[in-house]
């Protein structure tokens, strides 16, 4: 897919500081500061979202003392998890920089990148992308047993196919392999509409956006979505454990079932009698119960399979 870039576009980069910091992790530290420098191609003072609890635990000590700290706009925030830190960053830009045209979200907690030169070149192009309403950075992990791979393979793909099969098919045809990607480059006007006119979640922001970007009447995307292949990377190895995978899968299921109820719940129309509306509600409850039963089966299979693969 051809990338369209324009450095005259007013884009604001938002970098998420590693939740566990980069103390004693040279690779993660190098990646973070490389990302900072790359983002300066579109903004001389990139925004860095810094969790307050990371500061309190002294996991950002070297960052706070670094002379490069003053070249950044650092926003400290309390958040329940990384995805809520995204939300805080987006809100900061929407409130403080309402004239910005795009917001580019970049994770800062990567500690291993395969084919580094290719990945960083691709990431640079992704940061400067302007040719679509929403650009999602897609990547492989190079490890089928990484937390990201296990959660997507046995959780998000299967659960999404159960609750929203049309969206699931369209996501794969984009083609997007990581519907939970942390790399987002989005028009500010689209982001504002998604955040203000829809329910917000403190987790799984990308997957939530994809579901909200679907036109259910016309069975197509509301916005122009592009995919930017980045290469292969690895998430922080401290997240590769059974509990983390299950926590994330349960979180995904909770969000999907709630969104399905909100989207599919019958709406009373003046032309519909009370009896007809009651029948619609009965069909709605029956469909939900059927999908929830299937969802429970998917969850049980995921738990059993992941536990076996991880040797827990």
C-alpha atoms as a PDB file:
ATOM      1  CA  UNK A   1       0.000   0.000   0.000  1.00  0.00           C
ATOM      2  CA  UNK A   2       1.413   3.390  -0.996  1.00  0.00           C
ATOM      3  CA  UNK A   3       2.105   5.731   1.913  1.00  0.00           C
ATOM      4  CA  UNK A   4       1.275   9.412   1.523  1.00  0.00           C
ATOM      5  CA  UNK A   5       3.394  11.752   3.591  1.00  0.00           C
ATOM      6  CA  UNK A   6       3.396  15.508   3.999  1.00  0.00           C
ATOM      7  CA  UNK A   7       5.614  17.192   6.574  1.00  0.00           C
ATOM      8  CA  UNK A   8       3.461  20.325   6.371  1.00  0.00           C
ATOM      9  CA  UNK A   9       0.621  18.493   8.089  1.00  0.00           C
ATOM     10  CA  UNK A  10       0.254  19.590  11.714  1.00  0.00           C
ATOM     11  CA  UNK A  11       0.714  16.248  13.505  1.00  0.00           C
ATOM     12  CA  UNK A  12       1.271  15.730  17.237  1.00  0.00           C
ATOM     13  CA  UNK A  13       3.208  12.612  18.272  1.00  0.00           C
ATOM     14  CA  UNK A  14       2.332  10.973  21.590  1.00  0.00           C
ATOM     15  CA  UNK A  15       4.945   8.530  22.910  1.00  0.00           C
ATOM     16  CA  UNK A  16       3.995   6.226  25.780  1.00  0.00           C
ATOM     17  CA  UNK A  17       6.861   5.935  28.251  1.00  0.00           C
ATOM     18  CA  UNK A  18       7.593   2.307  29.260  1.00  0.00           C
ATOM     19  CA  UNK A  19       5.448   1.433  32.272  1.00  0.00           C
ATOM     20  CA  UNK A  20       8.350  -0.453  33.857  1.00  0.00           C
ATOM     21  CA  UNK A  21      10.838   2.154  32.688  1.00  0.00           C
ATOM     22  CA  UNK A  22      14.046   1.314  30.890  1.00  0.00           C
ATOM     23  CA  UNK A  23      16.383   1.080  33.862  1.00  0.00           C
ATOM     24  CA  UNK A  24      18.969  -1.656  33.120  1.00  0.00           C
ATOM     25  CA  UNK A  25      17.468  -2.234  29.640  1.00  0.00           C
ATOM     26  CA  UNK A  26      19.753  -0.607  27.082  1.00  0.00           C
ATOM     27  CA  UNK A  27      17.786  -1.869  24.082  1.00  0.00           C
ATOM     28  CA  UNK A  28      14.505  -0.404  25.371  1.00  0.00           C
ATOM     29  CA  UNK A  29      16.245   2.865  26.264  1.00  0.00           C
ATOM     30  CA  UNK A  30      17.812   3.098  22.806  1.00  0.00           C
ATOM     31  CA  UNK A  31      14.476   2.402  21.102  1.00  0.00           C
ATOM     32  CA  UNK A  32      12.693   5.027  23.217  1.00  0.00           C
ATOM     33  CA  UNK A  33      15.146   7.807  22.378  1.00  0.00           C
ATOM     34  CA  UNK A  34      15.331   6.761  18.730  1.00  0.00           C
ATOM     35  CA  UNK A  35      11.541   7.078  18.624  1.00  0.00           C
ATOM     36  CA  UNK A  36      11.777  10.525  20.202  1.00  0.00           C
ATOM     37  CA  UNK A  37      14.240  11.691  17.541  1.00  0.00           C
ATOM     38  CA  UNK A  38      12.152  10.197  14.743  1.00  0.00           C
ATOM     39  CA  UNK A  39       9.024  11.963  16.018  1.00  0.00           C
ATOM     40  CA  UNK A  40      10.872  15.272  15.950  1.00  0.00           C
ATOM     41  CA  UNK A  41      10.574  15.044  12.166  1.00  0.00           C
ATOM     42  CA  UNK A  42       6.937  16.126  12.607  1.00  0.00           C
ATOM     43  CA  UNK A  43       7.106  17.987  15.936  1.00  0.00           C
ATOM     44  CA  UNK A  44      10.166  19.608  17.564  1.00  0.00           C
ATOM     45  CA  UNK A  45       8.862  18.794  21.054  1.00  0.00           C
ATOM     46  CA  UNK A  46       7.123  15.392  21.113  1.00  0.00           C
ATOM     47  CA  UNK A  47       4.675  14.584  23.892  1.00  0.00           C
ATOM     48  CA  UNK A  48       5.657  11.786  26.277  1.00  0.00           C
ATOM     49  CA  UNK A  49       3.027  10.275  28.564  1.00  0.00           C
ATOM     50  CA  UNK A  50       4.673   9.230  31.830  1.00  0.00           C
ATOM     51  CA  UNK A  51       2.702   7.123  34.344  1.00  0.00           C
ATOM     52  CA  UNK A  52       2.904   8.615  37.835  1.00  0.00           C
ATOM     53  CA  UNK A  53       3.304   5.214  39.470  1.00  0.00           C
ATOM     54  CA  UNK A  54       6.339   4.584  37.256  1.00  0.00           C
ATOM     55  CA  UNK A  55       7.865   7.764  38.672  1.00  0.00           C
ATOM     56  CA  UNK A  56       6.976   6.844  42.262  1.00  0.00           C
ATOM     57  CA  UNK A  57       8.555   3.384  41.897  1.00  0.00           C
ATOM     58  CA  UNK A  58      11.777   5.120  40.726  1.00  0.00           C
ATOM     59  CA  UNK A  59      11.525   3.362  37.351  1.00  0.00           C
ATOM     60  CA  UNK A  60      11.918   6.669  35.511  1.00  0.00           C
ATOM     61  CA  UNK A  61      14.843   7.996  37.549  1.00  0.00           C
ATOM     62  CA  UNK A  62      17.370   8.105  34.718  1.00  0.00           C
ATOM     63  CA  UNK A  63      14.787   9.540  32.326  1.00  0.00           C
ATOM     64  CA  UNK A  64      13.969  12.424  34.665  1.00  0.00           C
ATOM     65  CA  UNK A  65      17.691  13.206  35.049  1.00  0.00           C
ATOM     66  CA  UNK A  66      18.460  12.940  31.335  1.00  0.00           C
ATOM     67  CA  UNK A  67      19.374  16.313  29.778  1.00  0.00           C
ATOM     68  CA  UNK A  68      17.177  15.404  26.792  1.00  0.00           C
ATOM     69  CA  UNK A  69      14.154  15.428  29.098  1.00  0.00           C
ATOM     70  CA  UNK A  70      13.821  19.203  28.622  1.00  0.00           C
ATOM     71  CA  UNK A  71      13.410  18.770  24.865  1.00  0.00           C
ATOM     72  CA  UNK A  72      10.114  16.926  25.448  1.00  0.00           C
ATOM     73  CA  UNK A  73       6.624  17.817  26.600  1.00  0.00           C
ATOM     74  CA  UNK A  74       6.230  15.312  29.434  1.00  0.00           C
ATOM     75  CA  UNK A  75       2.754  14.728  30.853  1.00  0.00           C
ATOM     76  CA  UNK A  76       2.553  12.698  34.042  1.00  0.00           C
ATOM     77  CA  UNK A  77      -0.724  10.882  34.544  1.00  0.00           C
ATOM     78  CA  UNK A  78      -2.481   8.333  36.702  1.00  0.00           C
ATOM     79  CA  UNK A  79      -3.861   5.478  34.586  1.00  0.00           C
ATOM     80  CA  UNK A  80      -5.072   1.969  35.338  1.00  0.00           C
ATOM     81  CA  UNK A  81      -3.096   0.569  32.395  1.00  0.00           C
ATOM     82  CA  UNK A  82      -1.235   1.554  29.247  1.00  0.00           C
ATOM     83  CA  UNK A  83      -4.407   1.929  27.159  1.00  0.00           C
ATOM     84  CA  UNK A  84      -5.780   4.504  29.583  1.00  0.00           C
ATOM     85  CA  UNK A  85      -2.478   6.347  29.256  1.00  0.00           C
ATOM     86  CA  UNK A  86      -3.251   6.498  25.517  1.00  0.00           C
ATOM     87  CA  UNK A  87      -6.610   8.067  26.342  1.00  0.00           C
ATOM     88  CA  UNK A  88      -4.951  10.637  28.601  1.00  0.00           C
ATOM     89  CA  UNK A  89      -2.501  11.511  25.821  1.00  0.00           C
ATOM     90  CA  UNK A  90      -5.227  11.900  23.226  1.00  0.00           C
ATOM     91  CA  UNK A  91      -7.233  14.081  25.606  1.00  0.00           C
ATOM     92  CA  UNK A  92      -4.173  16.222  26.278  1.00  0.00           C
ATOM     93  CA  UNK A  93      -3.733  16.921  22.557  1.00  0.00           C
ATOM     94  CA  UNK A  94      -7.453  17.525  21.942  1.00  0.00           C
ATOM     95  CA  UNK A  95      -7.604  19.996  24.830  1.00  0.00           C
ATOM     96  CA  UNK A  96      -4.263  21.781  24.404  1.00  0.00           C
ATOM     97  CA  UNK A  97      -3.750  21.550  20.633  1.00  0.00           C
ATOM     98  CA  UNK A  98      -7.233  21.701  19.074  1.00  0.00           C
ATOM     99  CA  UNK A  99      -5.793  22.848  15.727  1.00  0.00           C
ATOM    100  CA  UNK A 100      -3.665  19.734  15.261  1.00  0.00           C
ATOM    101  CA  UNK A 101      -4.663  17.724  12.193  1.00  0.00           C
ATOM    102  CA  UNK A 102      -3.351  14.307  13.200  1.00  0.00           C
ATOM    103  CA  UNK A 103      -2.238  12.446  16.325  1.00  0.00           C
ATOM    104  CA  UNK A 104       0.429   9.744  16.113  1.00  0.00           C
ATOM    105  CA  UNK A 105       0.550   7.234  18.973  1.00  0.00           C
ATOM    106  CA  UNK A 106       3.789   5.287  19.463  1.00  0.00           C
ATOM    107  CA  UNK A 107       4.636   2.749  22.222  1.00  0.00           C
ATOM    108  CA  UNK A 108       7.937   3.258  23.993  1.00  0.00           C
ATOM    109  CA  UNK A 109       8.391  -0.169  25.573  1.00  0.00           C
ATOM    110  CA  UNK A 110       9.915  -2.324  22.843  1.00  0.00           C
ATOM    111  CA  UNK A 111      13.095  -4.184  23.713  1.00  0.00           C
ATOM    112  CA  UNK A 112      13.777  -6.245  20.618  1.00  0.00           C
ATOM    113  CA  UNK A 113      13.292  -5.518  16.927  1.00  0.00           C
ATOM    114  CA  UNK A 114      13.976  -7.974  14.114  1.00  0.00           C
ATOM    115  CA  UNK A 115      15.508  -6.479  10.951  1.00  0.00           C
ATOM    116  CA  UNK A 116      16.084  -3.206  12.790  1.00  0.00           C
ATOM    117  CA  UNK A 117      16.937  -1.022   9.801  1.00  0.00           C
ATOM    118  CA  UNK A 118      13.802  -2.053   7.921  1.00  0.00           C
ATOM    119  CA  UNK A 119      11.607  -1.648  11.002  1.00  0.00           C
ATOM    120  CA  UNK A 120      12.871   1.844  11.820  1.00  0.00           C
ATOM    121  CA  UNK A 121      12.570   2.984   8.208  1.00  0.00           C
ATOM    122  CA  UNK A 122       8.995   1.703   8.122  1.00  0.00           C
ATOM    123  CA  UNK A 123       8.219   3.332  11.464  1.00  0.00           C
ATOM    124  CA  UNK A 124       9.567   6.646  10.204  1.00  0.00           C
ATOM    125  CA  UNK A 125       7.264   6.504   7.181  1.00  0.00           C
ATOM    126  CA  UNK A 126       4.349   5.517   9.414  1.00  0.00           C
ATOM    127  CA  UNK A 127       4.886   8.530  11.680  1.00  0.00           C
ATOM    128  CA  UNK A 128       4.709  10.862   8.669  1.00  0.00           C
ATOM    129  CA  UNK A 129       1.710   9.154   7.031  1.00  0.00           C
ATOM    130  CA  UNK A 130      -1.208  11.482   6.208  1.00  0.00           C
ATOM    131  CA  UNK A 131      -3.099   9.743   3.405  1.00  0.00           C
ATOM    132  CA  UNK A 132      -5.882   8.021   5.362  1.00  0.00           C
ATOM    133  CA  UNK A 133      -8.331   8.744   8.162  1.00  0.00           C
ATOM    134  CA  UNK A 134      -6.765   6.033  10.320  1.00  0.00           C
ATOM    135  CA  UNK A 135      -3.406   4.351   9.740  1.00  0.00           C
ATOM    136  CA  UNK A 136      -2.591   1.295  11.854  1.00  0.00           C
ATOM    137  CA  UNK A 137       0.968   0.049  12.211  1.00  0.00           C
ATOM    138  CA  UNK A 138       0.953  -3.716  11.728  1.00  0.00           C
ATOM    139  CA  UNK A 139       3.728  -6.066  12.837  1.00  0.00           C
ATOM    140  CA  UNK A 140       4.739  -9.650  13.473  1.00  0.00           C
ATOM    141  CA  UNK A 141       6.293 -10.894  16.689  1.00  0.00           C
ATOM    142  CA  UNK A 142       8.645 -13.554  15.340  1.00  0.00           C
ATOM    143  CA  UNK A 143       7.556 -15.727  18.257  1.00  0.00           C
ATOM    144  CA  UNK A 144       4.282 -17.649  18.237  1.00  0.00           C
ATOM    145  CA  UNK A 145       4.501 -18.009  22.006  1.00  0.00           C
ATOM    146  CA  UNK A 146       4.874 -14.297  22.764  1.00  0.00           C
ATOM    147  CA  UNK A 147       2.098 -12.701  24.800  1.00  0.00           C
ATOM    148  CA  UNK A 148       0.906 -10.651  21.830  1.00  0.00           C
ATOM    149  CA  UNK A 149       0.685 -13.697  19.566  1.00  0.00           C
ATOM    150  CA  UNK A 150      -1.035 -15.908  22.129  1.00  0.00           C
ATOM    151  CA  UNK A 151      -3.608 -13.261  23.042  1.00  0.00           C
ATOM    152  CA  UNK A 152      -4.442 -12.538  19.401  1.00  0.00           C
ATOM    153  CA  UNK A 153      -4.436 -16.144  18.189  1.00  0.00           C
ATOM    154  CA  UNK A 154      -6.501 -17.655  20.985  1.00  0.00           C
ATOM    155  CA  UNK A 155      -8.369 -14.565  22.164  1.00  0.00           C
ATOM    156  CA  UNK A 156      -9.030 -11.527  19.997  1.00  0.00           C
ATOM    157  CA  UNK A 157      -9.355 -13.298  16.614  1.00  0.00           C
ATOM    158  CA  UNK A 158     -11.725 -15.981  17.890  1.00  0.00           C
ATOM    159  CA  UNK A 159     -13.787 -13.704  20.113  1.00  0.00           C
ATOM    160  CA  UNK A 160     -14.143 -11.031  17.420  1.00  0.00           C
ATOM    161  CA  UNK A 161     -15.256 -13.691  14.910  1.00  0.00           C
ATOM    162  CA  UNK A 162     -17.915 -14.799  17.389  1.00  0.00           C
ATOM    163  CA  UNK A 163     -19.342 -11.395  18.303  1.00  0.00           C
ATOM    164  CA  UNK A 164     -18.715  -9.399  15.094  1.00  0.00           C
ATOM    165  CA  UNK A 165     -18.062 -11.812  12.194  1.00  0.00           C
ATOM    166  CA  UNK A 166     -18.423  -9.186   9.440  1.00  0.00           C
ATOM    167  CA  UNK A 167     -15.867  -6.921  11.094  1.00  0.00           C
ATOM    168  CA  UNK A 168     -13.569  -9.863  11.683  1.00  0.00           C
ATOM    169  CA  UNK A 169     -13.595 -10.746   7.979  1.00  0.00           C
ATOM    170  CA  UNK A 170     -13.043  -7.140   6.931  1.00  0.00           C
ATOM    171  CA  UNK A 171     -10.132  -6.704   9.335  1.00  0.00           C
ATOM    172  CA  UNK A 172      -8.389  -9.727   7.858  1.00  0.00           C
ATOM    173  CA  UNK A 173      -9.006  -8.443   4.326  1.00  0.00           C
ATOM    174  CA  UNK A 174      -7.448  -5.030   5.048  1.00  0.00           C
ATOM    175  CA  UNK A 175      -5.140  -6.999   5.735  1.00  0.00           C
ATOM    176  CA  UNK A 176      -4.521  -6.324   9.442  1.00  0.00           C
ATOM    177  CA  UNK A 177      -2.878  -9.000  11.571  1.00  0.00           C
ATOM    178  CA  UNK A 178      -2.713  -7.042  14.848  1.00  0.00           C
ATOM    179  CA  UNK A 179      -6.157  -5.571  15.640  1.00  0.00           C
ATOM    180  CA  UNK A 180      -4.752  -4.590  19.052  1.00  0.00           C
ATOM    181  CA  UNK A 181      -1.788  -2.669  17.604  1.00  0.00           C
ATOM    182  CA  UNK A 182      -0.243   0.088  19.727  1.00  0.00           C
ATOM    183  CA  UNK A 183       0.736   2.067  16.609  1.00  0.00           C
ATOM    184  CA  UNK A 184      -1.978   4.517  15.550  1.00  0.00           C
ATOM    185  CA  UNK A 185      -1.830   7.534  13.232  1.00  0.00           C
ATOM    186  CA  UNK A 186      -5.274   9.136  13.141  1.00  0.00           C
ATOM    187  CA  UNK A 187      -6.954  12.323  11.997  1.00  0.00           C
ATOM    188  CA  UNK A 188      -7.778  14.487  15.004  1.00  0.00           C
ATOM    189  CA  UNK A 189     -11.335  15.064  13.727  1.00  0.00           C
ATOM    190  CA  UNK A 190     -11.943  11.309  13.505  1.00  0.00           C
ATOM    191  CA  UNK A 191     -10.432  10.691  16.939  1.00  0.00           C
ATOM    192  CA  UNK A 192     -12.583  13.424  18.466  1.00  0.00           C
ATOM    193  CA  UNK A 193     -15.713  11.871  16.962  1.00  0.00           C
ATOM    194  CA  UNK A 194     -14.780   8.393  18.184  1.00  0.00           C
ATOM    195  CA  UNK A 195     -14.062   9.585  21.722  1.00  0.00           C
ATOM    196  CA  UNK A 196     -16.923  12.039  22.185  1.00  0.00           C
ATOM    197  CA  UNK A 197     -19.763  10.192  20.451  1.00  0.00           C
ATOM    198  CA  UNK A 198     -19.014   6.702  21.749  1.00  0.00           C
ATOM    199  CA  UNK A 199     -18.377   4.828  24.965  1.00  0.00           C
ATOM    200  CA  UNK A 200     -14.744   5.054  26.060  1.00  0.00           C
ATOM    201  CA  UNK A 201     -12.804   2.139  27.458  1.00  0.00           C
ATOM    202  CA  UNK A 202      -9.629   2.210  29.515  1.00  0.00           C
ATOM    203  CA  UNK A 203      -8.351  -0.750  27.508  1.00  0.00           C
ATOM    204  CA  UNK A 204      -8.171  -2.292  24.013  1.00  0.00           C
ATOM    205  CA  UNK A 205      -8.483   1.094  22.312  1.00  0.00           C
ATOM    206  CA  UNK A 206      -7.573  -0.011  18.782  1.00  0.00           C
ATOM    207  CA  UNK A 207     -10.017  -2.924  18.718  1.00  0.00           C
ATOM    208  CA  UNK A 208     -12.717  -0.691  20.197  1.00  0.00           C
ATOM    209  CA  UNK A 209     -12.109   1.915  17.469  1.00  0.00           C
ATOM    210  CA  UNK A 210     -12.318  -0.692  14.714  1.00  0.00           C
ATOM    211  CA  UNK A 211     -15.706  -1.835  15.986  1.00  0.00           C
ATOM    212  CA  UNK A 212     -16.919   1.772  16.190  1.00  0.00           C
ATOM    213  CA  UNK A 213     -15.600   2.502  12.672  1.00  0.00           C
ATOM    214  CA  UNK A 214     -17.918  -0.090  11.116  1.00  0.00           C
ATOM    215  CA  UNK A 215     -21.125   0.999   9.372  1.00  0.00           C
ATOM    216  CA  UNK A 216     -23.564  -1.719  10.449  1.00  0.00           C
ATOM    217  CA  UNK A 217     -26.305  -0.645   8.032  1.00  0.00           C
ATOM    218  CA  UNK A 218     -24.104  -0.622   4.944  1.00  0.00           C
ATOM    219  CA  UNK A 219     -21.613  -3.320   6.068  1.00  0.00           C
ATOM    220  CA  UNK A 220     -18.519  -1.259   5.312  1.00  0.00           C
ATOM    221  CA  UNK A 221     -15.990   0.984   7.030  1.00  0.00           C
ATOM    222  CA  UNK A 222     -17.069   4.527   7.883  1.00  0.00           C
ATOM    223  CA  UNK A 223     -13.538   5.832   7.429  1.00  0.00           C
ATOM    224  CA  UNK A 224     -10.586   5.254   5.165  1.00  0.00           C
ATOM    225  CA  UNK A 225      -8.367   2.790   7.052  1.00  0.00           C
ATOM    226  CA  UNK A 226      -4.855   1.974   5.875  1.00  0.00           C
ATOM    227  CA  UNK A 227      -2.364  -0.570   7.169  1.00  0.00           C
ATOM    228  CA  UNK A 228       1.343   0.175   7.490  1.00  0.00           C
ATOM    229  CA  UNK A 229       3.515  -2.984   7.736  1.00  0.00           C
ATOM    230  CA  UNK A 230       6.329  -2.259  10.188  1.00  0.00           C
ATOM    231  CA  UNK A 231       8.199  -5.558  10.422  1.00  0.00           C
ATOM    232  CA  UNK A 232       8.756  -7.798  13.436  1.00  0.00           C
ATOM    233  CA  UNK A 233       9.167  -6.850  17.060  1.00  0.00           C
ATOM    234  CA  UNK A 234       8.944  -8.366  20.501  1.00  0.00           C
ATOM    235  CA  UNK A 235       6.974  -7.095  23.468  1.00  0.00           C
ATOM    236  CA  UNK A 236       8.589  -6.773  26.876  1.00  0.00           C
ATOM    237  CA  UNK A 237       9.393 -10.299  28.044  1.00  0.00           C
ATOM    238  CA  UNK A 238       8.094  -9.614  31.537  1.00  0.00           C
ATOM    239  CA  UNK A 239       4.579  -9.732  30.096  1.00  0.00           C
ATOM    240  CA  UNK A 240       4.952 -13.258  28.728  1.00  0.00           C
ATOM    241  CA  UNK A 241       3.091 -15.156  31.385  1.00  0.00           C
ATOM    242  CA  UNK A 242      -0.136 -17.065  31.762  1.00  0.00           C
ATOM    243  CA  UNK A 243      -1.892 -14.550  33.985  1.00  0.00           C
ATOM    244  CA  UNK A 244      -1.141 -11.637  31.654  1.00  0.00           C
ATOM    245  CA  UNK A 245      -2.554 -13.505  28.647  1.00  0.00           C
ATOM    246  CA  UNK A 246      -5.719 -14.514  30.468  1.00  0.00           C
ATOM    247  CA  UNK A 247      -6.223 -11.031  31.915  1.00  0.00           C
ATOM    248  CA  UNK A 248      -6.074  -9.535  28.445  1.00  0.00           C
ATOM    249  CA  UNK A 249      -8.354 -12.134  26.856  1.00  0.00           C
ATOM    250  CA  UNK A 250     -10.984 -11.700  29.586  1.00  0.00           C
ATOM    251  CA  UNK A 251     -10.761  -7.946  29.099  1.00  0.00           C
ATOM    252  CA  UNK A 252     -11.314  -8.321  25.346  1.00  0.00           C
ATOM    253  CA  UNK A 253     -14.336 -10.574  25.885  1.00  0.00           C
ATOM    254  CA  UNK A 254     -15.883  -8.160  28.369  1.00  0.00           C
ATOM    255  CA  UNK A 255     -15.542  -5.248  25.942  1.00  0.00           C
ATOM    256  CA  UNK A 256     -16.851  -7.171  22.914  1.00  0.00           C
ATOM    257  CA  UNK A 257     -19.934  -8.498  24.706  1.00  0.00           C
ATOM    258  CA  UNK A 258     -20.765  -5.045  26.061  1.00  0.00           C
ATOM    259  CA  UNK A 259     -20.335  -3.388  22.666  1.00  0.00           C
ATOM    260  CA  UNK A 260     -22.474  -6.072  21.014  1.00  0.00           C
ATOM    261  CA  UNK A 261     -25.312  -5.350  23.439  1.00  0.00           C
ATOM    262  CA  UNK A 262     -25.049  -1.605  22.867  1.00  0.00           C
ATOM    263  CA  UNK A 263     -24.919  -1.896  19.091  1.00  0.00           C
ATOM    264  CA  UNK A 264     -27.477  -4.669  18.592  1.00  0.00           C
ATOM    265  CA  UNK A 265     -30.057  -3.627  21.201  1.00  0.00           C
ATOM    266  CA  UNK A 266     -33.401  -2.921  19.461  1.00  0.00           C
ATOM    267  CA  UNK A 267     -34.403   0.733  19.237  1.00  0.00           C
ATOM    268  CA  UNK A 268     -38.113   1.552  19.601  1.00  0.00           C
ATOM    269  CA  UNK A 269     -39.608   3.141  16.484  1.00  0.00           C
ATOM    270  CA  UNK A 270     -42.978   4.861  16.251  1.00  0.00           C
ATOM    271  CA  UNK A 271     -44.059   2.453  13.506  1.00  0.00           C
ATOM    272  CA  UNK A 272     -43.382  -0.591  15.691  1.00  0.00           C
ATOM    273  CA  UNK A 273     -46.068  -1.845  18.060  1.00  0.00           C
ATOM    274  CA  UNK A 274     -45.299  -2.772  21.656  1.00  0.00           C
ATOM    275  CA  UNK A 275     -45.847  -6.453  20.807  1.00  0.00           C
ATOM    276  CA  UNK A 276     -43.441  -6.283  17.856  1.00  0.00           C
ATOM    277  CA  UNK A 277     -40.871  -4.466  19.991  1.00  0.00           C
ATOM    278  CA  UNK A 278     -41.182  -7.109  22.708  1.00  0.00           C
ATOM    279  CA  UNK A 279     -40.589  -9.811  20.095  1.00  0.00           C
ATOM    280  CA  UNK A 280     -37.500  -7.961  18.852  1.00  0.00           C
ATOM    281  CA  UNK A 281     -36.159  -7.818  22.403  1.00  0.00           C
ATOM    282  CA  UNK A 282     -36.755 -11.524  22.900  1.00  0.00           C
ATOM    283  CA  UNK A 283     -34.813 -12.270  19.710  1.00  0.00           C
ATOM    284  CA  UNK A 284     -32.063  -9.915  20.915  1.00  0.00           C
ATOM    285  CA  UNK A 285     -31.761 -11.721  24.266  1.00  0.00           C
ATOM    286  CA  UNK A 286     -31.792 -15.119  22.583  1.00  0.00           C
ATOM    287  CA  UNK A 287     -29.037 -14.099  20.177  1.00  0.00           C
ATOM    288  CA  UNK A 288     -26.977 -12.697  23.029  1.00  0.00           C
ATOM    289  CA  UNK A 289     -27.337 -15.834  25.151  1.00  0.00           C
ATOM    290  CA  UNK A 290     -26.273 -17.972  22.186  1.00  0.00           C
ATOM    291  CA  UNK A 291     -23.192 -15.849  21.484  1.00  0.00           C
ATOM    292  CA  UNK A 292     -22.276 -15.704  25.163  1.00  0.00           C
ATOM    293  CA  UNK A 293     -22.379 -19.490  25.399  1.00  0.00           C
ATOM    294  CA  UNK A 294     -20.036 -19.750  22.419  1.00  0.00           C
ATOM    295  CA  UNK A 295     -17.828 -17.054  23.925  1.00  0.00           C
ATOM    296  CA  UNK A 296     -17.452 -19.010  27.157  1.00  0.00           C
ATOM    297  CA  UNK A 297     -16.334 -21.996  25.115  1.00  0.00           C
ATOM    298  CA  UNK A 298     -13.730 -19.881  23.327  1.00  0.00           C
ATOM    299  CA  UNK A 299     -12.459 -18.609  26.675  1.00  0.00           C
ATOM    300  CA  UNK A 300     -12.121 -22.119  28.099  1.00  0.00           C
ATOM    301  CA  UNK A 301     -10.269 -23.314  25.002  1.00  0.00           C
ATOM    302  CA  UNK A 302      -7.954 -20.300  25.174  1.00  0.00           C
ATOM    303  CA  UNK A 303      -7.114 -20.904  28.834  1.00  0.00           C
ATOM    304  CA  UNK A 304      -6.421 -24.593  28.308  1.00  0.00           C
ATOM    305  CA  UNK A 305      -4.345 -24.078  25.170  1.00  0.00           C
ATOM    306  CA  UNK A 306      -2.263 -21.175  26.453  1.00  0.00           C
ATOM    307  CA  UNK A 307      -1.549 -22.934  29.723  1.00  0.00           C
ATOM    308  CA  UNK A 308      -0.326 -26.005  27.847  1.00  0.00           C
ATOM    309  CA  UNK A 309       1.808 -23.950  25.431  1.00  0.00           C
ATOM    310  CA  UNK A 310       3.432 -22.018  28.246  1.00  0.00           C
ATOM    311  CA  UNK A 311       3.938 -25.169  30.318  1.00  0.00           C
ATOM    312  CA  UNK A 312       2.226 -23.706  33.361  1.00  0.00           C
END
